[in-house]
N, C-alpha and C. Protein backbone atom coordinates (compact mmCIF):
# COMPACT_ATOMS: atom_id res chain seq x y z
N MET A 1 53.49 42.22 -86.41
CA MET A 1 52.78 41.01 -86.07
C MET A 1 53.81 40.00 -85.57
N ASN A 2 53.56 39.44 -84.39
CA ASN A 2 54.52 38.51 -83.82
C ASN A 2 54.22 37.07 -84.22
N ARG A 3 55.07 36.17 -83.76
CA ARG A 3 55.02 34.77 -84.21
C ARG A 3 53.72 34.08 -83.84
N GLU A 4 53.26 34.27 -82.60
CA GLU A 4 52.03 33.58 -82.20
C GLU A 4 50.80 34.08 -82.96
N ASP A 5 50.81 35.37 -83.31
CA ASP A 5 49.70 35.90 -84.12
C ASP A 5 49.69 35.29 -85.51
N LYS A 6 50.88 35.13 -86.10
CA LYS A 6 50.96 34.51 -87.43
C LYS A 6 50.44 33.08 -87.39
N LEU A 7 50.82 32.33 -86.36
CA LEU A 7 50.35 30.95 -86.23
C LEU A 7 48.84 30.91 -86.05
N LEU A 8 48.33 31.79 -85.21
CA LEU A 8 46.89 31.82 -84.95
C LEU A 8 46.11 32.19 -86.21
N TYR A 9 46.55 33.23 -86.90
CA TYR A 9 45.84 33.65 -88.11
C TYR A 9 45.95 32.61 -89.21
N GLY A 10 47.08 31.92 -89.27
CA GLY A 10 47.22 30.84 -90.25
C GLY A 10 46.24 29.71 -89.97
N GLY A 11 46.11 29.35 -88.70
CA GLY A 11 45.16 28.31 -88.32
C GLY A 11 43.73 28.72 -88.60
N LEU A 12 43.42 29.97 -88.31
CA LEU A 12 42.06 30.46 -88.57
C LEU A 12 41.77 30.52 -90.07
N ALA A 13 42.78 30.84 -90.87
CA ALA A 13 42.59 30.86 -92.32
C ALA A 13 42.30 29.46 -92.86
N VAL A 14 43.01 28.47 -92.33
CA VAL A 14 42.77 27.09 -92.76
C VAL A 14 41.38 26.65 -92.32
N LEU A 15 40.97 27.03 -91.12
CA LEU A 15 39.61 26.71 -90.67
C LEU A 15 38.57 27.38 -91.56
N LEU A 16 38.83 28.60 -91.99
CA LEU A 16 37.90 29.30 -92.89
C LEU A 16 37.78 28.57 -94.23
N VAL A 17 38.89 28.10 -94.77
CA VAL A 17 38.84 27.34 -96.03
C VAL A 17 38.02 26.07 -95.84
N THR A 18 38.21 25.40 -94.71
CA THR A 18 37.45 24.17 -94.44
C THR A 18 35.97 24.49 -94.28
N TYR A 19 35.65 25.59 -93.63
CA TYR A 19 34.25 26.00 -93.47
C TYR A 19 33.62 26.33 -94.83
N LEU A 20 34.36 27.05 -95.66
CA LEU A 20 33.84 27.38 -96.99
C LEU A 20 33.61 26.12 -97.83
N ASP A 21 34.41 25.10 -97.59
CA ASP A 21 34.20 23.83 -98.28
C ASP A 21 32.84 23.25 -97.91
N LEU A 22 32.42 23.45 -96.68
CA LEU A 22 31.12 22.94 -96.26
C LEU A 22 29.98 23.75 -96.85
N VAL A 23 30.19 25.07 -97.04
CA VAL A 23 29.14 25.97 -97.49
C VAL A 23 29.04 26.02 -99.02
N LEU A 24 30.19 26.09 -99.68
CA LEU A 24 30.20 26.23 -101.13
C LEU A 24 30.08 24.86 -101.81
N PRO A 25 29.67 24.84 -103.06
CA PRO A 25 29.51 23.56 -103.75
C PRO A 25 30.82 22.86 -104.10
N VAL A 26 31.96 23.51 -103.89
CA VAL A 26 33.25 22.87 -104.16
C VAL A 26 33.47 21.78 -103.12
N GLU A 27 33.83 20.60 -103.57
CA GLU A 27 34.00 19.47 -102.66
C GLU A 27 35.46 19.02 -102.62
N PHE A 28 35.99 18.91 -101.42
CA PHE A 28 37.29 18.28 -101.22
C PHE A 28 37.04 16.84 -100.82
N SER A 29 38.02 16.00 -100.99
CA SER A 29 37.88 14.62 -100.52
C SER A 29 37.99 14.62 -98.99
N ASN A 30 37.55 13.55 -98.38
CA ASN A 30 37.60 13.46 -96.92
C ASN A 30 39.03 13.54 -96.41
N GLU A 31 39.98 13.00 -97.17
CA GLU A 31 41.38 13.05 -96.74
C GLU A 31 41.90 14.48 -96.73
N VAL A 32 41.49 15.26 -97.72
CA VAL A 32 41.93 16.66 -97.79
C VAL A 32 41.30 17.45 -96.65
N GLU A 33 40.02 17.23 -96.37
CA GLU A 33 39.38 17.93 -95.25
C GLU A 33 40.05 17.58 -93.93
N LEU A 34 40.37 16.30 -93.74
CA LEU A 34 41.05 15.88 -92.51
C LEU A 34 42.43 16.52 -92.41
N ALA A 35 43.14 16.60 -93.53
CA ALA A 35 44.45 17.24 -93.53
C ALA A 35 44.34 18.72 -93.20
N LEU A 36 43.35 19.41 -93.77
CA LEU A 36 43.17 20.84 -93.48
C LEU A 36 42.84 21.06 -92.01
N LEU A 37 41.96 20.23 -91.46
CA LEU A 37 41.63 20.37 -90.04
C LEU A 37 42.83 20.07 -89.16
N SER A 38 43.63 19.10 -89.54
CA SER A 38 44.83 18.77 -88.76
C SER A 38 45.82 19.93 -88.78
N VAL A 39 46.02 20.53 -89.95
CA VAL A 39 46.93 21.67 -90.05
C VAL A 39 46.41 22.83 -89.21
N ALA A 40 45.12 23.09 -89.27
CA ALA A 40 44.53 24.18 -88.48
C ALA A 40 44.72 23.93 -87.00
N LEU A 41 44.49 22.70 -86.57
CA LEU A 41 44.65 22.36 -85.15
C LEU A 41 46.09 22.55 -84.71
N VAL A 42 47.04 22.10 -85.51
CA VAL A 42 48.45 22.26 -85.16
C VAL A 42 48.83 23.73 -85.09
N LEU A 43 48.37 24.54 -86.04
CA LEU A 43 48.72 25.97 -86.03
C LEU A 43 48.13 26.69 -84.83
N VAL A 44 46.87 26.41 -84.53
CA VAL A 44 46.23 27.09 -83.39
C VAL A 44 46.86 26.65 -82.08
N LEU A 45 47.13 25.35 -81.93
CA LEU A 45 47.77 24.88 -80.70
C LEU A 45 49.20 25.39 -80.59
N SER A 46 49.92 25.49 -81.70
CA SER A 46 51.27 26.06 -81.67
C SER A 46 51.22 27.52 -81.22
N SER A 47 50.23 28.24 -81.70
CA SER A 47 50.06 29.63 -81.28
C SER A 47 49.84 29.72 -79.78
N LEU A 48 49.01 28.82 -79.26
CA LEU A 48 48.73 28.81 -77.82
C LEU A 48 49.99 28.50 -77.03
N VAL A 49 50.77 27.52 -77.48
CA VAL A 49 52.01 27.15 -76.78
C VAL A 49 53.00 28.30 -76.80
N VAL A 50 53.18 28.93 -77.95
CA VAL A 50 54.11 30.06 -78.05
C VAL A 50 53.65 31.20 -77.16
N ARG A 51 52.35 31.46 -77.14
CA ARG A 51 51.82 32.54 -76.31
C ARG A 51 52.03 32.24 -74.82
N LEU A 52 51.80 30.99 -74.41
CA LEU A 52 52.00 30.62 -73.01
C LEU A 52 53.47 30.67 -72.62
N ARG A 53 54.34 30.24 -73.52
CA ARG A 53 55.77 30.28 -73.22
C ARG A 53 56.28 31.71 -73.13
N SER A 54 55.72 32.60 -73.92
CA SER A 54 56.19 33.99 -73.88
C SER A 54 55.69 34.71 -72.63
N THR A 55 54.58 34.27 -72.04
CA THR A 55 54.10 34.90 -70.81
C THR A 55 54.83 34.38 -69.59
N ASP A 56 55.50 33.22 -69.70
CA ASP A 56 56.27 32.69 -68.57
C ASP A 56 57.53 33.50 -68.33
N ARG A 57 58.04 34.16 -69.33
CA ARG A 57 59.31 34.90 -69.20
C ARG A 57 59.13 36.20 -68.50
């Protein structure tokens, strides 16, 4: 598994945790949900950047 796959799967895992927070009765505070979504966005975008940079070579 290469670097961009790890970043992508990490972002998707964080998104899954955030989605489960919406479905399950466990409640996170709004700050925690915002932090989880921010981490997921950074990981997925980092994966995209790494993938695009590796195709330029």
